[in-house]
Amino acid sequence: MITILVGPKRKPYTAHTDILTKHSGFMRALCTGRWAESQSREIDWSQWEEATAKRFLQWIYHGNYSTSELVMELGIQKTPTPSYHTDSCLQFSQLDARITSESESEAEGNATHDDRGSPSAILMAHAKVYVLAQYTNTEALEHTALEQLRNIFLTIKSLSTNSGVIEGIVSLVEYAYANTNALVNSEESLRSIISTFCAIRLLELQEQPEFHTLLHAGGDFVVDLWEKVGRKAREDEQMGVKKFETLSAEKEKLRRELGDQTLEIKRLRRTCATLRERTQENEMLRVECDTLRERALRVCRCRATDTHWDW
């Protein structure tokens, strides 16, 4: 067993060493290596909020963690249960589902009573779990926290009608960029998912004063945001070009089909004209036949009466 001292008050939490070190090489080295913690059997987590530490412990024991002690007034639907301990796709789609609230009974750690029910509370809870997971090099928990955030982003319906959501997103951006570092050859995952969401919903966000203040502050977030906006613009342009080419090809196909149909119509008209001519000829032949038949009948009658008939 090993004791974790959490928060400014250093509240003790006891955990099984084998479970604590199962998913984290950092914790394994800390608890079983030559570090002072492996000798004292105590780990100092005084810099971490109690609620975040509890979610970390809940995850290592149960494979998931809950934010059910937080009261959400986000206007969002309860997010679907993510797949834990897996690499989850963090791309966006279907962003406008309805968001409802998920109630919680009690706030933990350093969160104040006023924070319970604020939109930033639920967003920050997952971000803080992610940062702790990154600190302990627990990659599976990082993926779980990102998936939880992603599910919330996917279900946010409206930003312009809910100032609390805007404040939560601004707080999330500030926390994420203050507590993670930019990477050289790749993009930091938490920064990526947040800046991607902001780029997708930029038309709504840019109308909010809080977001304007965030943009005026500059920094890595603005760089990431505009990089994604530019990428989206390029993708839209490429899609526009492809759509134009597709429509042009379709237009040319229709033009050829129209030409073929025009030729067919002309052929049918010639055929109809020929048929009309033949019909007229047939009518003339029918009249001649009727005349000949009448003459033949008259001849027969004359012969029957032995009367001379002048042709």
Protein backbone atom coordinates (compact mmCIF):
# COMPACT_ATOMS: atom_id res chain seq x y z
CA MET A 1 0.00 0.00 0.00
CA ILE A 2 1.06 3.59 -0.57
CA THR A 3 -0.41 6.86 0.70
CA ILE A 4 -1.10 9.83 -1.56
CA LEU A 5 -1.29 13.22 0.16
CA VAL A 6 -3.68 15.34 -1.85
CA GLY A 7 -4.34 19.08 -1.95
CA PRO A 8 -3.10 21.92 0.23
CA LYS A 9 -4.41 20.12 3.31
CA ARG A 10 -2.49 16.97 2.24
CA LYS A 11 -5.49 14.71 2.73
CA PRO A 12 -4.32 11.08 2.73
CA TYR A 13 -5.63 8.53 0.21
CA THR A 14 -4.36 4.96 0.35
CA ALA A 15 -3.98 2.87 -2.79
CA HIS A 16 -2.64 -0.56 -3.68
CA THR A 17 0.82 -0.26 -5.20
CA ASP A 18 0.21 -2.85 -7.93
CA ILE A 19 -2.98 -1.12 -9.07
CA LEU A 20 -1.45 2.35 -8.85
CA THR A 21 1.49 1.34 -11.02
CA LYS A 22 -0.36 -0.87 -13.51
CA HIS A 23 -1.03 1.80 -16.14
CA SER A 24 1.77 4.27 -15.37
CA GLY A 25 5.49 3.79 -15.84
CA PHE A 26 6.06 7.03 -13.93
CA MET A 27 4.12 5.78 -10.90
CA ARG A 28 5.86 2.42 -11.17
CA ALA A 29 9.25 4.08 -11.00
CA LEU A 30 8.11 6.38 -8.20
CA CYS A 31 6.73 3.56 -6.04
CA THR A 32 9.22 0.78 -6.71
CA GLY A 33 12.42 2.55 -7.73
CA ARG A 34 15.05 4.40 -5.72
CA TRP A 35 12.95 7.47 -5.20
CA ALA A 36 12.24 8.78 -1.73
CA GLU A 37 8.53 7.98 -2.22
CA SER A 38 9.25 4.27 -2.52
CA GLN A 39 10.92 4.41 0.89
CA SER A 40 8.48 6.68 2.70
CA ARG A 41 5.47 5.06 0.99
CA GLU A 42 4.00 8.54 0.58
CA ILE A 43 3.45 10.57 -2.58
CA ASP A 44 3.01 14.33 -2.38
CA TRP A 45 0.15 15.52 -4.57
CA SER A 46 -0.46 18.74 -2.72
CA GLN A 47 -0.53 20.62 -6.06
CA TRP A 48 -3.54 18.61 -7.28
CA GLU A 49 -7.16 19.18 -6.37
CA GLU A 50 -8.79 16.49 -4.31
CA ALA A 51 -11.61 15.93 -6.84
CA THR A 52 -9.09 15.36 -9.64
CA ALA A 53 -7.04 12.93 -7.55
CA LYS A 54 -10.18 11.02 -6.61
CA ARG A 55 -11.14 10.66 -10.28
CA PHE A 56 -7.64 9.39 -11.02
CA LEU A 57 -7.96 6.75 -8.28
CA GLN A 58 -11.47 5.87 -9.41
CA TRP A 59 -10.17 5.29 -12.91
CA ILE A 60 -7.24 3.06 -11.93
CA TYR A 61 -9.59 0.87 -9.87
CA HIS A 62 -12.67 0.80 -12.12
CA GLY A 63 -11.49 1.77 -15.61
CA ASN A 64 -13.61 4.93 -15.68
CA TYR A 65 -14.35 7.98 -13.59
CA SER A 66 -17.43 10.04 -12.82
CA THR A 67 -18.25 13.73 -12.69
CA SER A 68 -21.66 13.05 -11.18
CA GLU A 69 -21.01 15.31 -8.22
CA LEU A 70 -21.08 18.33 -10.52
CA VAL A 71 -24.35 20.01 -11.45
CA MET A 72 -24.42 20.93 -15.13
CA GLU A 73 -26.56 23.70 -16.54
CA LEU A 74 -24.98 23.48 -19.97
CA GLY A 75 -28.09 22.62 -21.95
CA ILE A 76 -26.34 19.45 -23.08
CA GLN A 77 -27.32 15.81 -23.30
CA LYS A 78 -25.69 13.29 -21.04
CA THR A 79 -22.63 12.21 -22.97
CA PRO A 80 -22.35 8.60 -24.14
CA THR A 81 -20.02 6.26 -22.26
CA PRO A 82 -16.62 6.24 -23.96
CA SER A 83 -14.46 3.22 -24.61
CA TYR A 84 -11.83 3.22 -21.91
CA HIS A 85 -8.17 2.23 -22.29
CA THR A 86 -8.35 2.62 -26.08
CA ASP A 87 -7.05 5.11 -28.60
CA SER A 88 -10.13 7.15 -29.40
CA CYS A 89 -10.61 9.16 -32.56
CA LEU A 90 -10.71 12.82 -31.65
CA GLN A 91 -12.16 14.17 -34.90
CA PHE A 92 -15.40 16.11 -34.89
CA SER A 93 -18.72 15.40 -36.51
CA GLN A 94 -22.37 16.16 -35.72
CA LEU A 95 -21.76 19.07 -33.39
CA ASP A 96 -25.34 20.25 -32.90
CA ALA A 97 -26.99 17.64 -30.69
CA ARG A 98 -29.04 18.79 -27.70
CA ILE A 99 -27.24 19.18 -24.32
CA THR A 100 -29.05 18.54 -21.05
CA SER A 101 -27.85 18.47 -17.49
CA GLU A 102 -26.31 15.75 -15.38
CA SER A 103 -26.78 16.28 -11.66
CA GLU A 104 -24.29 15.68 -8.92
CA SER A 105 -24.66 15.58 -5.21
CA GLU A 106 -21.51 17.22 -3.89
CA ALA A 107 -18.46 19.15 -5.13
CA GLU A 108 -14.98 17.89 -4.29
CA GLY A 109 -11.53 19.35 -3.71
CA ASN A 110 -10.89 23.04 -4.12
CA ALA A 111 -14.03 23.74 -6.18
CA THR A 112 -16.10 26.36 -4.43
CA HIS A 113 -19.82 26.12 -3.91
CA ASP A 114 -20.34 28.76 -6.61
CA ASP A 115 -18.46 26.57 -9.09
CA ARG A 116 -20.99 23.77 -8.73
CA GLY A 117 -23.38 24.15 -11.59
CA SER A 118 -21.11 26.44 -13.64
CA PRO A 119 -20.50 25.21 -17.20
CA SER A 120 -16.76 25.44 -16.68
CA ALA A 121 -16.88 22.91 -13.82
CA ILE A 122 -17.62 19.86 -15.95
CA LEU A 123 -15.24 20.91 -18.73
CA MET A 124 -12.47 21.73 -16.29
CA ALA A 125 -12.96 18.43 -14.44
CA HIS A 126 -12.03 16.43 -17.55
CA ALA A 127 -9.21 18.80 -18.48
CA LYS A 128 -7.69 18.49 -15.00
CA VAL A 129 -7.91 14.70 -15.15
CA TYR A 130 -6.11 14.85 -18.48
CA VAL A 131 -3.33 17.05 -17.09
CA LEU A 132 -2.89 14.73 -14.09
CA ALA A 133 -2.82 11.73 -16.43
CA GLN A 134 -0.18 13.49 -18.51
CA TYR A 135 1.81 14.28 -15.35
CA THR A 136 1.75 10.60 -14.32
CA ASN A 137 2.27 9.40 -17.92
CA THR A 138 -0.99 7.42 -17.82
CA GLU A 139 -1.80 7.44 -21.53
CA ALA A 140 -5.01 5.40 -21.31
CA LEU A 141 -6.48 7.91 -18.86
CA GLU A 142 -5.44 10.76 -21.16
CA HIS A 143 -7.48 9.15 -23.93
CA THR A 144 -10.44 8.67 -21.59
CA ALA A 145 -10.45 12.33 -20.50
CA LEU A 146 -10.12 13.51 -24.10
CA GLU A 147 -12.98 11.28 -25.14
CA GLN A 148 -15.15 12.71 -22.37
CA LEU A 149 -14.38 16.25 -23.55
CA ARG A 150 -15.00 15.26 -27.15
CA ASN A 151 -18.42 13.85 -26.27
CA ILE A 152 -19.37 17.11 -24.58
CA PHE A 153 -18.18 19.16 -27.56
CA LEU A 154 -20.17 16.94 -29.91
CA THR A 155 -23.37 17.64 -28.01
CA ILE A 156 -23.11 21.39 -27.43
CA LYS A 157 -26.11 22.89 -29.18
CA SER A 158 -25.86 26.66 -28.89
CA LEU A 159 -23.12 29.01 -27.77
CA SER A 160 -24.78 32.35 -28.44
CA THR A 161 -27.72 31.68 -26.10
CA ASN A 162 -25.72 30.33 -23.15
CA SER A 163 -23.08 32.64 -21.71
CA GLY A 164 -22.10 30.00 -19.18
CA VAL A 165 -20.88 27.72 -21.94
CA ILE A 166 -18.76 30.54 -23.38
CA GLU A 167 -17.20 31.22 -19.99
CA GLY A 168 -16.54 27.50 -19.57
CA ILE A 169 -14.81 27.26 -22.94
CA VAL A 170 -12.70 30.36 -22.25
CA SER A 171 -11.67 28.94 -18.85
CA LEU A 172 -10.92 25.61 -20.49
CA VAL A 173 -8.68 27.25 -23.11
CA GLU A 174 -6.81 29.25 -20.46
CA TYR A 175 -6.28 26.20 -18.24
CA ALA A 176 -5.28 23.85 -21.05
CA TYR A 177 -2.71 26.21 -22.57
CA ALA A 178 -1.30 27.12 -19.15
CA ASN A 179 -0.85 23.50 -18.06
CA THR A 180 0.32 21.77 -21.24
CA ASN A 181 3.31 22.35 -23.46
CA ALA A 182 3.48 22.78 -27.23
CA LEU A 183 5.16 19.88 -29.04
CA VAL A 184 7.74 20.22 -31.78
CA ASN A 185 6.76 17.56 -34.34
CA SER A 186 3.12 17.00 -33.40
CA GLU A 187 0.20 18.75 -31.77
CA GLU A 188 -0.56 18.40 -28.09
CA SER A 189 -3.82 16.42 -27.82
CA LEU A 190 -5.74 18.57 -25.34
CA ARG A 191 -4.80 21.77 -27.15
CA SER A 192 -5.75 20.15 -30.44
CA ILE A 193 -9.25 19.08 -29.46
CA ILE A 194 -10.05 22.45 -27.85
CA SER A 195 -8.68 24.59 -30.69
CA THR A 196 -10.42 22.36 -33.24
CA PHE A 197 -13.76 22.86 -31.50
CA CYS A 198 -13.21 26.63 -31.35
CA ALA A 199 -12.29 26.73 -35.05
CA ILE A 200 -15.44 24.83 -36.00
CA ARG A 201 -17.67 27.06 -33.87
CA LEU A 202 -15.76 30.29 -34.56
CA LEU A 203 -18.74 32.09 -36.13
CA GLU A 204 -20.61 31.78 -32.83
CA LEU A 205 -17.63 32.36 -30.57
CA GLN A 206 -16.42 35.51 -32.32
CA GLU A 207 -19.61 37.30 -31.30
CA GLN A 208 -18.83 36.86 -27.60
CA PRO A 209 -16.85 39.53 -25.68
CA GLU A 210 -15.17 36.89 -23.49
CA PHE A 211 -13.76 35.17 -26.55
CA HIS A 212 -12.57 38.49 -27.99
CA THR A 213 -10.63 39.08 -24.77
CA LEU A 214 -9.07 35.64 -25.12
CA LEU A 215 -8.00 36.38 -28.70
CA HIS A 216 -6.50 39.75 -27.73
CA ALA A 217 -4.30 37.93 -25.20
CA GLY A 218 -2.59 36.15 -28.09
CA GLY A 219 -0.29 33.21 -27.41
CA ASP A 220 -0.25 29.60 -28.61
CA PHE A 221 -4.03 29.30 -28.65
CA VAL A 222 -4.43 32.02 -31.26
CA VAL A 223 -1.70 30.41 -33.37
CA ASP A 224 -3.39 26.99 -33.15
CA LEU A 225 -6.83 28.46 -33.79
CA TRP A 226 -5.89 30.35 -36.95
CA GLU A 227 -3.85 27.43 -38.22
CA LYS A 228 -7.01 25.31 -38.04
CA VAL A 229 -9.15 28.08 -39.51
CA GLY A 230 -6.70 28.32 -42.41
CA ARG A 231 -6.67 24.55 -42.80
CA LYS A 232 -10.46 24.47 -42.83
CA ALA A 233 -10.52 27.27 -45.42
CA ARG A 234 -8.11 25.30 -47.61
CA GLU A 235 -10.19 22.15 -47.20
CA ASP A 236 -13.35 24.09 -48.07
CA GLU A 237 -11.61 25.54 -51.12
CA GLN A 238 -10.48 22.08 -52.24
CA MET A 239 -13.98 20.74 -51.69
CA GLY A 240 -15.36 23.68 -53.69
CA VAL A 241 -12.98 22.98 -56.57
CA LYS A 242 -13.87 19.29 -56.52
CA LYS A 243 -17.57 20.13 -56.41
CA PHE A 244 -17.15 22.54 -59.32
CA GLU A 245 -15.30 19.90 -61.32
CA THR A 246 -17.97 17.34 -60.51
CA LEU A 247 -20.75 19.74 -61.52
CA SER A 248 -18.89 20.66 -64.72
CA ALA A 249 -18.49 17.00 -65.62
CA GLU A 250 -22.16 16.41 -64.86
CA LYS A 251 -23.10 19.41 -66.99
CA GLU A 252 -21.02 18.10 -69.92
CA LYS A 253 -22.61 14.67 -69.52
CA LEU A 254 -26.09 16.21 -69.55
CA ARG A 255 -25.16 18.34 -72.58
CA ARG A 256 -24.09 15.20 -74.47
CA GLU A 257 -27.24 13.40 -73.39
CA LEU A 258 -29.32 16.40 -74.53
CA GLY A 259 -27.55 16.36 -77.89
CA ASP A 260 -28.25 12.65 -78.28
CA GLN A 261 -31.88 13.19 -77.32
CA THR A 262 -32.17 16.06 -79.82
CA LEU A 263 -30.87 13.82 -82.60
CA GLU A 264 -33.30 11.12 -81.55
CA ILE A 265 -36.19 13.60 -81.62
CA LYS A 266 -35.21 14.71 -85.14
CA ARG A 267 -35.06 11.07 -86.25
CA LEU A 268 -38.50 10.43 -84.74
CA ARG A 269 -39.89 13.51 -86.49
CA ARG A 270 -38.58 12.27 -89.85
CA THR A 271 -40.12 8.90 -89.14
CA CYS A 272 -43.44 10.52 -88.29
CA ALA A 273 -43.33 12.56 -91.51
CA THR A 274 -42.64 9.41 -93.51
CA LEU A 275 -45.51 7.64 -91.82
CA ARG A 276 -47.84 10.57 -92.57
CA GLU A 277 -46.84 10.43 -96.23
CA ARG A 278 -47.46 6.71 -96.32
CA THR A 279 -50.81 7.23 -94.62
CA GLN A 280 -51.78 9.73 -97.31
CA GLU A 281 -50.67 7.31 -100.02
CA ASN A 282 -52.67 4.54 -98.37
CA GLU A 283 -55.70 6.80 -98.26
CA MET A 284 -55.36 7.56 -101.99
CA LEU A 285 -55.01 3.85 -102.74
CA ARG A 286 -58.10 3.14 -100.62
CA VAL A 287 -60.08 5.70 -102.64
CA GLU A 288 -58.87 4.19 -105.92
CA CYS A 289 -59.75 0.74 -104.68
CA ASP A 290 -63.23 1.90 -103.72
CA THR A 291 -63.67 3.44 -107.19
CA LEU A 292 -62.53 0.26 -108.93
CA ARG A 293 -64.78 -1.82 -106.71
CA GLU A 294 -67.76 0.36 -107.60
CA ARG A 295 -67.03 0.07 -111.32
CA ALA A 296 -66.63 -3.68 -111.02
CA LEU A 297 -70.01 -3.94 -109.32
CA ARG A 298 -71.66 -1.87 -112.07
CA VAL A 299 -70.13 -4.11 -114.74
CA CYS A 300 -71.46 -7.15 -113.00
CA ARG A 301 -74.93 -5.67 -112.80
CA CYS A 302 -74.89 -4.69 -116.50
CA ARG A 303 -73.88 -8.14 -117.57
CA ALA A 304 -76.57 -9.65 -115.39
CA THR A 305 -79.24 -7.54 -117.18
CA ASP A 306 -77.47 -7.89 -120.54
CA THR A 307 -77.38 -4.09 -120.85
CA HIS A 308 -74.68 -2.29 -122.71
CA TRP A 309 -72.75 -0.05 -120.42
CA ASP A 310 -70.51 2.65 -121.68
CA TRP A 311 -67.23 2.85 -119.77
